[in-house]
Amino acid sequence: MSDSLDTRIRDEIDDQVAEAFDAYLADRLAEPGPLRTALATKRNAKVVLGTIGLGALTTALAPADVTVICWIWGAIASIDVAFLLGARRR
């Protein structure tokens, strides 16, 4: 009897936690973030998509050294994040 009750209570708690987490995620997704804001203004989206395109091109042309490719994409990610956060403040 005790095991059945424990199992039922655990299932009920799991369901409540899942519902609360779903509600939290729905609220977070409704908030405008820097990427969503950038995509809403096409000028910013062009910059981000342009850097990603250049990153793909340089990855294709880069030597087969993983370190070089990681540095390229790290620089691109840093530039994009700085640009998006700067655009968000305006």
PDB file of N, CA and C in Angstrom:
ATOM      1  N   MET A   1       0.820  -1.186   0.000  1.00  0.00           N
ATOM      2  CA  MET A   1       0.000   0.000   0.000  1.00  0.00           C
ATOM      3  C   MET A   1       0.872   1.262   0.000  1.00  0.00           C
ATOM      4  N   SER A   2       1.902   1.253   0.806  1.00  0.00           N
ATOM      5  CA  SER A   2       2.778   2.408   0.923  1.00  0.00           C
ATOM      6  C   SER A   2       3.512   2.681  -0.395  1.00  0.00           C
ATOM      7  N   ASP A   3       3.962   1.617  -1.070  1.00  0.00           N
ATOM      8  CA  ASP A   3       4.647   1.788  -2.349  1.00  0.00           C
ATOM      9  C   ASP A   3       3.720   2.379  -3.399  1.00  0.00           C
ATOM     10  N   SER A   4       2.483   1.938  -3.394  1.00  0.00           N
ATOM     11  CA  SER A   4       1.504   2.454  -4.346  1.00  0.00           C
ATOM     12  C   SER A   4       1.243   3.931  -4.098  1.00  0.00           C
ATOM     13  N   LEU A   5       1.128   4.305  -2.836  1.00  0.00           N
ATOM     14  CA  LEU A   5       0.896   5.701  -2.481  1.00  0.00           C
ATOM     15  C   LEU A   5       2.107   6.554  -2.853  1.00  0.00           C
ATOM     16  N   ASP A   6       3.312   6.065  -2.551  1.00  0.00           N
ATOM     17  CA  ASP A   6       4.528   6.793  -2.915  1.00  0.00           C
ATOM     18  C   ASP A   6       4.623   6.991  -4.423  1.00  0.00           C
ATOM     19  N   THR A   7       4.315   5.961  -5.171  1.00  0.00           N
ATOM     20  CA  THR A   7       4.371   6.039  -6.630  1.00  0.00           C
ATOM     21  C   THR A   7       3.364   7.059  -7.150  1.00  0.00           C
ATOM     22  N   ARG A   8       2.150   7.041  -6.607  1.00  0.00           N
ATOM     23  CA  ARG A   8       1.125   7.995  -7.027  1.00  0.00           C
ATOM     24  C   ARG A   8       1.537   9.426  -6.695  1.00  0.00           C
ATOM     25  N   ILE A   9       2.076   9.619  -5.510  1.00  0.00           N
ATOM     26  CA  ILE A   9       2.496  10.963  -5.099  1.00  0.00           C
ATOM     27  C   ILE A   9       3.653  11.448  -5.974  1.00  0.00           C
ATOM     28  N   ARG A  10       4.616  10.563  -6.254  1.00  0.00           N
ATOM     29  CA  ARG A  10       5.731  10.941  -7.131  1.00  0.00           C
ATOM     30  C   ARG A  10       5.241  11.301  -8.530  1.00  0.00           C
ATOM     31  N   ASP A  11       4.302  10.530  -9.051  1.00  0.00           N
ATOM     32  CA  ASP A  11       3.753  10.830 -10.376  1.00  0.00           C
ATOM     33  C   ASP A  11       3.036  12.175 -10.383  1.00  0.00           C
ATOM     34  N   GLU A  12       2.294  12.449  -9.315  1.00  0.00           N
ATOM     35  CA  GLU A  12       1.579  13.718  -9.230  1.00  0.00           C
ATOM     36  C   GLU A  12       2.563  14.887  -9.143  1.00  0.00           C
ATOM     37  N   ILE A  13       3.616  14.727  -8.348  1.00  0.00           N
ATOM     38  CA  ILE A  13       4.637  15.779  -8.237  1.00  0.00           C
ATOM     39  C   ILE A  13       5.341  15.969  -9.577  1.00  0.00           C
ATOM     40  N   ASP A  14       5.669  14.880 -10.250  1.00  0.00           N
ATOM     41  CA  ASP A  14       6.305  14.981 -11.566  1.00  0.00           C
ATOM     42  C   ASP A  14       5.421  15.734 -12.544  1.00  0.00           C
ATOM     43  N   ASP A  15       4.124  15.452 -12.532  1.00  0.00           N
ATOM     44  CA  ASP A  15       3.200  16.145 -13.425  1.00  0.00           C
ATOM     45  C   ASP A  15       3.136  17.638 -13.113  1.00  0.00           C
ATOM     46  N   GLN A  16       3.108  17.981 -11.824  1.00  0.00           N
ATOM     47  CA  GLN A  16       3.054  19.392 -11.439  1.00  0.00           C
ATOM     48  C   GLN A  16       4.338  20.120 -11.816  1.00  0.00           C
ATOM     49  N   VAL A  17       5.470  19.476 -11.615  1.00  0.00           N
ATOM     50  CA  VAL A  17       6.747  20.091 -11.990  1.00  0.00           C
ATOM     51  C   VAL A  17       6.816  20.275 -13.502  1.00  0.00           C
ATOM     52  N   ALA A  18       6.369  19.292 -14.255  1.00  0.00           N
ATOM     53  CA  ALA A  18       6.386  19.391 -15.719  1.00  0.00           C
ATOM     54  C   ALA A  18       5.478  20.520 -16.192  1.00  0.00           C
ATOM     55  N   GLU A  19       4.310  20.669 -15.588  1.00  0.00           N
ATOM     56  CA  GLU A  19       3.404  21.752 -15.973  1.00  0.00           C
ATOM     57  C   GLU A  19       4.011  23.116 -15.645  1.00  0.00           C
ATOM     58  N   ALA A  20       4.630  23.229 -14.473  1.00  0.00           N
ATOM     59  CA  ALA A  20       5.258  24.497 -14.090  1.00  0.00           C
ATOM     60  C   ALA A  20       6.417  24.830 -15.020  1.00  0.00           C
ATOM     61  N   PHE A  21       7.200  23.817 -15.388  1.00  0.00           N
ATOM     62  CA  PHE A  21       8.325  24.031 -16.297  1.00  0.00           C
ATOM     63  C   PHE A  21       7.835  24.435 -17.684  1.00  0.00           C
ATOM     64  N   ASP A  22       6.774  23.805 -18.168  1.00  0.00           N
ATOM     65  CA  ASP A  22       6.196  24.181 -19.460  1.00  0.00           C
ATOM     66  C   ASP A  22       5.701  25.623 -19.447  1.00  0.00           C
ATOM     67  N   ALA A  23       5.054  26.025 -18.352  1.00  0.00           N
ATOM     68  CA  ALA A  23       4.569  27.401 -18.250  1.00  0.00           C
ATOM     69  C   ALA A  23       5.743  28.379 -18.221  1.00  0.00           C
ATOM     70  N   TYR A  24       6.804  28.031 -17.504  1.00  0.00           N
ATOM     71  CA  TYR A  24       7.991  28.887 -17.450  1.00  0.00           C
ATOM     72  C   TYR A  24       8.614  29.039 -18.832  1.00  0.00           C
ATOM     73  N   LEU A  25       8.759  27.917 -19.552  1.00  0.00           N
ATOM     74  CA  LEU A  25       9.342  27.986 -20.897  1.00  0.00           C
ATOM     75  C   LEU A  25       8.471  28.792 -21.847  1.00  0.00           C
ATOM     76  N   ALA A  26       7.163  28.649 -21.744  1.00  0.00           N
ATOM     77  CA  ALA A  26       6.262  29.416 -22.607  1.00  0.00           C
ATOM     78  C   ALA A  26       6.421  30.911 -22.344  1.00  0.00           C
ATOM     79  N   ASP A  27       6.558  31.292 -21.064  1.00  0.00           N
ATOM     80  CA  ASP A  27       6.769  32.704 -20.738  1.00  0.00           C
ATOM     81  C   ASP A  27       8.103  33.202 -21.273  1.00  0.00           C
ATOM     82  N   ARG A  28       9.145  32.399 -21.140  1.00  0.00           N
ATOM     83  CA  ARG A  28      10.475  32.794 -21.609  1.00  0.00           C
ATOM     84  C   ARG A  28      10.505  32.923 -23.137  1.00  0.00           C
ATOM     85  N   LEU A  29       9.826  32.032 -23.831  1.00  0.00           N
ATOM     86  CA  LEU A  29       9.827  32.092 -25.289  1.00  0.00           C
ATOM     87  C   LEU A  29       9.015  33.274 -25.805  1.00  0.00           C
ATOM     88  N   ALA A  30       8.077  33.746 -25.015  1.00  0.00           N
ATOM     89  CA  ALA A  30       7.267  34.894 -25.428  1.00  0.00           C
ATOM     90  C   ALA A  30       8.048  36.202 -25.302  1.00  0.00           C
ATOM     91  N   GLU A  31       9.075  36.231 -24.439  1.00  0.00           N
ATOM     92  CA  GLU A  31       9.873  37.437 -24.266  1.00  0.00           C
ATOM     93  C   GLU A  31      10.772  37.650 -25.478  1.00  0.00           C
ATOM     94  N   PRO A  32      10.879  38.888 -25.945  1.00  0.00           N
ATOM     95  CA  PRO A  32      11.782  39.137 -27.069  1.00  0.00           C
ATOM     96  C   PRO A  32      13.232  39.114 -26.616  1.00  0.00           C
ATOM     97  N   GLY A  33      14.027  38.307 -27.269  1.00  0.00           N
ATOM     98  CA  GLY A  33      15.453  38.228 -26.979  1.00  0.00           C
ATOM     99  C   GLY A  33      16.243  38.964 -28.040  1.00  0.00           C
ATOM    100  N   PRO A  34      17.559  38.999 -27.903  1.00  0.00           N
ATOM    101  CA  PRO A  34      18.358  39.756 -28.874  1.00  0.00           C
ATOM    102  C   PRO A  34      18.275  39.195 -30.293  1.00  0.00           C
ATOM    103  N   LEU A  35      18.229  37.877 -30.430  1.00  0.00           N
ATOM    104  CA  LEU A  35      18.146  37.319 -31.780  1.00  0.00           C
ATOM    105  C   LEU A  35      16.783  37.584 -32.400  1.00  0.00           C
ATOM    106  N   ARG A  36      15.735  37.432 -31.626  1.00  0.00           N
ATOM    107  CA  ARG A  36      14.384  37.700 -32.143  1.00  0.00           C
ATOM    108  C   ARG A  36      14.248  39.180 -32.501  1.00  0.00           C
ATOM    109  N   THR A  37      14.809  40.057 -31.686  1.00  0.00           N
ATOM    110  CA  THR A  37      14.769  41.486 -31.987  1.00  0.00           C
ATOM    111  C   THR A  37      15.554  41.786 -33.252  1.00  0.00           C
ATOM    112  N   ALA A  38      16.698  41.135 -33.414  1.00  0.00           N
ATOM    113  CA  ALA A  38      17.522  41.353 -34.603  1.00  0.00           C
ATOM    114  C   ALA A  38      16.811  40.858 -35.849  1.00  0.00           C
ATOM    115  N   LEU A  39      16.121  39.739 -35.729  1.00  0.00           N
ATOM    116  CA  LEU A  39      15.411  39.227 -36.890  1.00  0.00           C
ATOM    117  C   LEU A  39      14.212  40.094 -37.241  1.00  0.00           C
ATOM    118  N   ALA A  40      13.647  40.781 -36.247  1.00  0.00           N
ATOM    119  CA  ALA A  40      12.523  41.679 -36.516  1.00  0.00           C
ATOM    120  C   ALA A  40      12.990  42.897 -37.307  1.00  0.00           C
ATOM    121  N   THR A  41      14.190  43.385 -37.014  1.00  0.00           N
ATOM    122  CA  THR A  41      14.760  44.468 -37.805  1.00  0.00           C
ATOM    123  C   THR A  41      15.733  43.833 -38.797  1.00  0.00           C
ATOM    124  N   LYS A  42      15.404  43.868 -40.025  1.00  0.00           N
ATOM    125  CA  LYS A  42      16.147  43.118 -41.042  1.00  0.00           C
ATOM    126  C   LYS A  42      17.604  43.556 -41.159  1.00  0.00           C
ATOM    127  N   ARG A  43      17.916  44.796 -40.822  1.00  0.00           N
ATOM    128  CA  ARG A  43      19.300  45.263 -40.932  1.00  0.00           C
ATOM    129  C   ARG A  43      20.209  44.438 -40.028  1.00  0.00           C
ATOM    130  N   ASN A  44      19.784  44.228 -38.808  1.00  0.00           N
ATOM    131  CA  ASN A  44      20.587  43.461 -37.872  1.00  0.00           C
ATOM    132  C   ASN A  44      20.676  41.998 -38.292  1.00  0.00           C
ATOM    133  N   ALA A  45      19.600  41.466 -38.819  1.00  0.00           N
ATOM    134  CA  ALA A  45      19.598  40.072 -39.244  1.00  0.00           C
ATOM    135  C   ALA A  45      20.592  39.860 -40.376  1.00  0.00           C
ATOM    136  N   LYS A  46      20.728  40.846 -41.252  1.00  0.00           N
ATOM    137  CA  LYS A  46      21.677  40.715 -42.362  1.00  0.00           C
ATOM    138  C   LYS A  46      23.111  40.637 -41.852  1.00  0.00           C
ATOM    139  N   VAL A  47      23.415  41.394 -40.822  1.00  0.00           N
ATOM    140  CA  VAL A  47      24.772  41.369 -40.265  1.00  0.00           C
ATOM    141  C   VAL A  47      25.061  40.002 -39.666  1.00  0.00           C
ATOM    142  N   VAL A  48      24.132  39.485 -38.864  1.00  0.00           N
ATOM    143  CA  VAL A  48      24.333  38.190 -38.217  1.00  0.00           C
ATOM    144  C   VAL A  48      24.418  37.082 -39.263  1.00  0.00           C
ATOM    145  N   LEU A  49      23.504  37.079 -40.210  1.00  0.00           N
ATOM    146  CA  LEU A  49      23.534  36.045 -41.247  1.00  0.00           C
ATOM    147  C   LEU A  49      24.765  36.185 -42.137  1.00  0.00           C
ATOM    148  N   GLY A  50      25.218  37.420 -42.351  1.00  0.00           N
ATOM    149  CA  GLY A  50      26.431  37.633 -43.133  1.00  0.00           C
ATOM    150  C   GLY A  50      27.665  37.076 -42.444  1.00  0.00           C
ATOM    151  N   THR A  51      27.769  37.269 -41.136  1.00  0.00           N
ATOM    152  CA  THR A  51      28.928  36.729 -40.428  1.00  0.00           C
ATOM    153  C   THR A  51      28.894  35.205 -40.403  1.00  0.00           C
ATOM    154  N   ILE A  52      27.719  34.640 -40.312  1.00  0.00           N
ATOM    155  CA  ILE A  52      27.622  33.177 -40.344  1.00  0.00           C
ATOM    156  C   ILE A  52      28.010  32.651 -41.732  1.00  0.00           C
ATOM    157  N   GLY A  53      27.587  33.355 -42.772  1.00  0.00           N
ATOM    158  CA  GLY A  53      27.977  32.960 -44.124  1.00  0.00           C
ATOM    159  C   GLY A  53      29.477  33.058 -44.334  1.00  0.00           C
ATOM    160  N   LEU A  54      30.079  34.143 -43.843  1.00  0.00           N
ATOM    161  CA  LEU A  54      31.534  34.269 -43.935  1.00  0.00           C
ATOM    162  C   LEU A  54      32.234  33.192 -43.124  1.00  0.00           C
ATOM    163  N   GLY A  55      31.659  32.837 -42.000  1.00  0.00           N
ATOM    164  CA  GLY A  55      32.235  31.767 -41.180  1.00  0.00           C
ATOM    165  C   GLY A  55      32.200  30.432 -41.901  1.00  0.00           C
ATOM    166  N   ALA A  56      31.100  30.164 -42.579  1.00  0.00           N
ATOM    167  CA  ALA A  56      31.014  28.907 -43.346  1.00  0.00           C
ATOM    168  C   ALA A  56      32.038  28.898 -44.475  1.00  0.00           C
ATOM    169  N   LEU A  57      32.208  30.040 -45.136  1.00  0.00           N
ATOM    170  CA  LEU A  57      33.190  30.131 -46.223  1.00  0.00           C
ATOM    171  C   LEU A  57      34.609  29.958 -45.700  1.00  0.00           C
ATOM    172  N   THR A  58      34.942  30.626 -44.601  1.00  0.00           N
ATOM    173  CA  THR A  58      36.297  30.486 -44.071  1.00  0.00           C
ATOM    174  C   THR A  58      36.543  29.102 -43.499  1.00  0.00           C
ATOM    175  N   THR A  59      35.501  28.455 -42.989  1.00  0.00           N
ATOM    176  CA  THR A  59      35.658  27.075 -42.518  1.00  0.00           C
ATOM    177  C   THR A  59      35.984  26.153 -43.685  1.00  0.00           C
ATOM    178  N   ALA A  60      35.339  26.387 -44.810  1.00  0.00           N
ATOM    179  CA  ALA A  60      35.604  25.557 -45.990  1.00  0.00           C
ATOM    180  C   ALA A  60      37.014  25.791 -46.525  1.00  0.00           C
ATOM    181  N   LEU A  61      37.505  27.015 -46.404  1.00  0.00           N
ATOM    182  CA  LEU A  61      38.820  27.350 -46.949  1.00  0.00           C
ATOM    183  C   LEU A  61      39.953  27.201 -45.935  1.00  0.00           C
ATOM    184  N   ALA A  62      39.617  27.024 -44.663  1.00  0.00           N
ATOM    185  CA  ALA A  62      40.637  26.949 -43.607  1.00  0.00           C
ATOM    186  C   ALA A  62      41.399  25.631 -43.702  1.00  0.00           C
ATOM    187  N   PRO A  63      42.613  25.623 -43.183  1.00  0.00           N
ATOM    188  CA  PRO A  63      43.347  24.355 -43.137  1.00  0.00           C
ATOM    189  C   PRO A  63      42.609  23.375 -42.223  1.00  0.00           C
ATOM    190  N   ALA A  64      42.977  22.127 -42.314  1.00  0.00           N
ATOM    191  CA  ALA A  64      42.263  21.071 -41.576  1.00  0.00           C
ATOM    192  C   ALA A  64      42.616  21.067 -40.093  1.00  0.00           C
ATOM    193  N   ASP A  65      43.023  22.193 -39.567  1.00  0.00           N
ATOM    194  CA  ASP A  65      43.381  22.305 -38.160  1.00  0.00           C
ATOM    195  C   ASP A  65      42.144  22.722 -37.364  1.00  0.00           C
ATOM    196  N   VAL A  66      41.772  21.914 -36.398  1.00  0.00           N
ATOM    197  CA  VAL A  66      40.577  22.176 -35.602  1.00  0.00           C
ATOM    198  C   VAL A  66      40.721  23.459 -34.794  1.00  0.00           C
ATOM    199  N   THR A  67      41.927  23.761 -34.355  1.00  0.00           N
ATOM    200  CA  THR A  67      42.159  24.962 -33.557  1.00  0.00           C
ATOM    201  C   THR A  67      41.818  26.223 -34.341  1.00  0.00           C
ATOM    202  N   VAL A  68      42.213  26.269 -35.595  1.00  0.00           N
ATOM    203  CA  VAL A  68      41.934  27.442 -36.435  1.00  0.00           C
ATOM    204  C   VAL A  68      40.429  27.608 -36.611  1.00  0.00           C
ATOM    205  N   ILE A  69      39.743  26.528 -36.861  1.00  0.00           N
ATOM    206  CA  ILE A  69      38.296  26.589 -37.067  1.00  0.00           C
ATOM    207  C   ILE A  69      37.594  27.026 -35.779  1.00  0.00           C
ATOM    208  N   CYS A  70      38.059  26.543 -34.638  1.00  0.00           N
ATOM    209  CA  CYS A  70      37.471  26.960 -33.351  1.00  0.00           C
ATOM    210  C   CYS A  70      37.695  28.446 -33.104  1.00  0.00           C
ATOM    211  N   TRP A  71      38.871  28.958 -33.450  1.00  0.00           N
ATOM    212  CA  TRP A  71      39.136  30.382 -33.293  1.00  0.00           C
ATOM    213  C   TRP A  71      38.241  31.212 -34.212  1.00  0.00           C
ATOM    214  N   ILE A  72      38.047  30.756 -35.427  1.00  0.00           N
ATOM    215  CA  ILE A  72      37.189  31.479 -36.375  1.00  0.00           C
ATOM    216  C   ILE A  72      35.773  31.586 -35.830  1.00  0.00           C
ATOM    217  N   TRP A  73      35.201  30.457 -35.425  1.00  0.00           N
ATOM    218  CA  TRP A  73      33.817  30.462 -34.944  1.00  0.00           C
ATOM    219  C   TRP A  73      33.694  31.138 -33.588  1.00  0.00           C
ATOM    220  N   GLY A  74      34.727  31.079 -32.778  1.00  0.00           N
ATOM    221  CA  GLY A  74      34.696  31.812 -31.510  1.00  0.00           C
ATOM    222  C   GLY A  74      34.654  33.309 -31.740  1.00  0.00           C
ATOM    223  N   ALA A  75      35.453  33.771 -32.703  1.00  0.00           N
ATOM    224  CA  ALA A  75      35.456  35.194 -33.042  1.00  0.00           C
ATOM    225  C   ALA A  75      34.103  35.617 -33.612  1.00  0.00           C
ATOM    226  N   ILE A  76      33.542  34.787 -34.473  1.00  0.00           N
ATOM    227  CA  ILE A  76      32.234  35.104 -35.056  1.00  0.00           C
ATOM    228  C   ILE A  76      31.164  35.154 -33.972  1.00  0.00           C
ATOM    229  N   ALA A  77      31.178  34.201 -33.068  1.00  0.00           N
ATOM    230  CA  ALA A  77      30.193  34.190 -31.988  1.00  0.00           C
ATOM    231  C   ALA A  77      30.347  35.434 -31.110  1.00  0.00           C
ATOM    232  N   SER A  78      31.568  35.814 -30.805  1.00  0.00           N
ATOM    233  CA  SER A  78      31.799  37.006 -29.988  1.00  0.00           C
ATOM    234  C   SER A  78      31.296  38.266 -30.690  1.00  0.00           C
ATOM    235  N   ILE A  79      31.581  38.383 -31.970  1.00  0.00           N
ATOM    236  CA  ILE A  79      31.127  39.543 -32.736  1.00  0.00           C
ATOM    237  C   ILE A  79      29.614  39.595 -32.780  1.00  0.00           C
ATOM    238  N   ASP A  80      28.975  38.466 -33.045  1.00  0.00           N
ATOM    239  CA  ASP A  80      27.514  38.438 -33.135  1.00  0.00           C
ATOM    240  C   ASP A  80      26.857  38.762 -31.800  1.00  0.00           C
ATOM    241  N   VAL A  81      27.369  38.197 -30.717  1.00  0.00           N
ATOM    242  CA  VAL A  81      26.790  38.472 -29.403  1.00  0.00           C
ATOM    243  C   VAL A  81      26.959  39.947 -29.050  1.00  0.00           C
ATOM    244  N   ALA A  82      28.140  40.489 -29.280  1.00  0.00           N
ATOM    245  CA  ALA A  82      28.370  41.908 -28.987  1.00  0.00           C
ATOM    246  C   ALA A  82      27.455  42.785 -29.843  1.00  0.00           C
ATOM    247  N   PHE A  83      27.291  42.440 -31.103  1.00  0.00           N
ATOM    248  CA  PHE A  83      26.438  43.213 -31.990  1.00  0.00           C
ATOM    249  C   PHE A  83      24.981  43.142 -31.550  1.00  0.00           C
ATOM    250  N   LEU A  84      24.514  41.945 -31.226  1.00  0.00           N
ATOM    251  CA  LEU A  84      23.121  41.789 -30.819  1.00  0.00           C
ATOM    252  C   LEU A  84      22.827  42.489 -29.498  1.00  0.00           C
ATOM    253  N   LEU A  85      23.744  42.401 -28.562  1.00  0.00           N
ATOM    254  CA  LEU A  85      23.535  43.073 -27.284  1.00  0.00           C
ATOM    255  C   LEU A  85      23.610  44.601 -27.447  1.00  0.00           C
ATOM    256  N   GLY A  86      24.483  45.051 -28.319  1.00  0.00           N
ATOM    257  CA  GLY A  86      24.553  46.481 -28.602  1.00  0.00           C
ATOM    258  C   GLY A  86      23.310  46.989 -29.308  1.00  0.00           C
ATOM    259  N   ALA A  87      22.776  46.198 -30.213  1.00  0.00           N
ATOM    260  CA  ALA A  87      21.553  46.578 -30.923  1.00  0.00           C
ATOM    261  C   ALA A  87      20.355  46.581 -29.984  1.00  0.00           C
ATOM    262  N   ARG A  88      20.399  45.712 -28.987  1.00  0.00           N
ATOM    263  CA  ARG A  88      19.287  45.628 -28.035  1.00  0.00           C
ATOM    264  C   ARG A  88      19.229  46.862 -27.147  1.00  0.00           C
ATOM    265  N   ARG A  89      20.385  47.459 -26.851  1.00  0.00           N
ATOM    266  CA  ARG A  89      20.441  48.629 -25.975  1.00  0.00           C
ATOM    267  C   ARG A  89      19.962  49.885 -26.669  1.00  0.00           C
ATOM    268  N   ARG A  90      19.987  49.903 -27.981  1.00  0.00           N
ATOM    269  CA  ARG A  90      19.579  51.112 -28.730  1.00  0.00           C
ATOM    270  C   ARG A  90      18.112  51.318 -28.705  1.00  0.00           C
TER     271      ARG A  90
END
